[in-house]
């Protein structure tokens, strides 16, 4: 009885692309290399005010953000999204401001003191 319960709780999920961590790592590295190779063309096509080196640093930073992910299905989903993003960028379906958004801070700190709130237009 207990073994049947244990078997039913340890459910197997269908993989998206990769069967093990080695294969997932290979897919991530291939995606990174594809982005790395396309950066000079992206900088030229979009006329970005950033150098190739700055773009490559940002690429590495974005990949490092997801370094902690261990679930193979989550890694595969991130790879799929990265491939879609690369295709949109290479085919010039994105606009320049969409690429420049990577260098902006996503969250601006809210003002804390009265004068800063007043100048910012809050209460």
Protein backbone atom coordinates (compact mmCIF):
# COMPACT_ATOMS: atom_id res chain seq x y z
CA UNK A 1 0.00 0.00 0.00
CA UNK A 2 2.72 2.47 0.98
CA UNK A 3 4.79 1.71 -2.12
CA UNK A 4 1.79 2.32 -4.37
CA UNK A 5 1.23 5.71 -2.73
CA UNK A 6 4.90 6.59 -3.13
CA UNK A 7 4.84 5.64 -6.82
CA UNK A 8 1.74 7.72 -7.47
CA UNK A 9 3.24 10.83 -5.83
CA UNK A 10 6.54 10.60 -7.76
CA UNK A 11 4.98 11.56 -11.06
CA UNK A 12 7.05 11.80 -14.22
CA UNK A 13 6.61 14.88 -16.36
CA UNK A 14 7.17 15.02 -20.09
CA UNK A 15 10.30 16.99 -21.03
CA UNK A 16 9.98 19.99 -23.34
CA UNK A 17 13.24 19.59 -25.25
CA UNK A 18 16.04 18.20 -23.08
CA UNK A 19 16.16 14.82 -21.41
CA UNK A 20 18.94 15.60 -18.91
CA UNK A 21 21.02 18.50 -17.56
CA UNK A 22 23.84 17.88 -20.04
CA UNK A 23 21.54 18.31 -23.01
CA UNK A 24 19.94 21.41 -21.45
CA UNK A 25 23.38 22.92 -20.84
CA UNK A 26 24.30 22.29 -24.48
CA UNK A 27 21.15 24.09 -25.63
CA UNK A 28 21.92 27.07 -23.37
CA UNK A 29 25.48 27.31 -24.68
CA UNK A 30 24.29 27.11 -28.28
CA UNK A 31 21.81 29.92 -27.64
CA UNK A 32 24.53 32.02 -25.99
CA UNK A 33 26.85 31.48 -28.96
CA UNK A 34 24.10 32.40 -31.42
CA UNK A 35 23.42 35.67 -29.57
CA UNK A 36 27.16 36.36 -29.26
CA UNK A 37 27.67 35.93 -33.02
CA UNK A 38 24.71 38.17 -33.90
CA UNK A 39 25.65 41.10 -31.65
CA UNK A 40 27.83 42.96 -34.23
CA UNK A 41 25.01 42.79 -36.77
CA UNK A 42 22.40 43.84 -34.20
CA UNK A 43 24.49 46.87 -33.18
CA UNK A 44 24.91 47.84 -36.85
CA UNK A 45 21.29 47.20 -37.95
CA UNK A 46 19.67 48.99 -35.01
CA UNK A 47 22.36 51.72 -34.85
CA UNK A 48 22.65 51.26 -31.10
CA UNK A 49 24.61 53.85 -29.10
CA UNK A 50 26.44 50.96 -27.39
CA UNK A 51 29.59 49.15 -28.39
CA UNK A 52 29.79 45.44 -29.19
CA UNK A 53 31.65 44.92 -25.90
CA UNK A 54 28.89 46.61 -23.88
CA UNK A 55 26.27 44.49 -25.61
CA UNK A 56 28.24 41.32 -24.94
CA UNK A 57 28.56 42.28 -21.27
CA UNK A 58 24.79 42.78 -21.10
CA UNK A 59 24.27 39.40 -22.81
CA UNK A 60 26.44 37.69 -20.22
CA UNK A 61 24.63 39.51 -17.41
CA UNK A 62 21.22 38.37 -18.71
CA UNK A 63 22.38 34.76 -18.94
CA UNK A 64 23.92 34.95 -15.44
CA UNK A 65 20.55 36.07 -14.02
CA UNK A 66 19.16 32.60 -14.71
CA UNK A 67 22.23 30.61 -13.66
CA UNK A 68 20.49 29.32 -10.53
CA UNK A 69 17.67 27.58 -12.47
CA UNK A 70 17.94 23.79 -12.04
CA UNK A 71 14.63 22.49 -13.37
CA UNK A 72 15.14 21.10 -16.88
CA UNK A 73 11.68 22.15 -18.04
CA UNK A 74 12.28 25.72 -16.82
CA UNK A 75 15.67 25.80 -18.58
CA UNK A 76 14.05 24.57 -21.79
CA UNK A 77 11.34 27.23 -21.54
CA UNK A 78 13.96 29.95 -21.04
CA UNK A 79 15.88 28.64 -24.07
CA UNK A 80 12.71 28.70 -26.19
CA UNK A 81 11.99 32.29 -25.12
CA UNK A 82 15.60 33.25 -25.84
CA UNK A 83 15.39 31.75 -29.32
CA UNK A 84 12.18 33.65 -30.02
CA UNK A 85 13.77 36.87 -28.77
CA UNK A 86 16.80 36.29 -31.00
CA UNK A 87 14.64 35.66 -34.05
CA UNK A 88 12.60 38.81 -33.40
CA UNK A 89 15.80 40.82 -33.01
CA UNK A 90 17.59 39.43 -36.07
CA UNK A 91 14.53 39.78 -38.31
CA UNK A 92 14.24 43.40 -37.10
CA UNK A 93 10.72 42.87 -35.77
CA UNK A 94 11.68 44.80 -32.65
CA UNK A 95 12.26 48.50 -32.37
CA UNK A 96 15.36 50.25 -31.08
CA UNK A 97 13.77 51.26 -27.79
CA UNK A 98 12.97 47.60 -27.12
CA UNK A 99 16.67 46.78 -27.16
CA UNK A 100 17.69 49.90 -25.24
CA UNK A 101 15.31 48.91 -22.44
CA UNK A 102 17.87 46.29 -21.37
CA UNK A 103 20.14 49.08 -20.08
CA UNK A 104 17.45 50.85 -18.06
CA UNK A 105 16.83 50.17 -14.41
CA UNK A 106 13.57 48.31 -14.14
CA UNK A 107 12.52 49.77 -10.79
CA UNK A 108 13.03 53.38 -9.83
CA UNK A 109 13.19 53.93 -6.07
CA UNK A 110 10.24 55.81 -4.68
CA UNK A 111 10.99 59.08 -2.89
CA UNK A 112 11.02 58.84 0.90
CA UNK A 113 11.15 62.40 2.25
CA UNK A 114 8.53 65.11 1.88
CA UNK A 115 10.42 67.37 -0.50
CA UNK A 116 11.32 64.54 -2.89
CA UNK A 117 7.69 63.36 -2.91
CA UNK A 118 6.51 66.90 -3.58
CA UNK A 119 8.95 67.40 -6.46
CA UNK A 120 8.08 64.01 -7.92
CA UNK A 121 4.36 64.83 -7.79
CA UNK A 122 3.25 62.47 -4.98
CA UNK A 123 1.01 63.74 -2.16
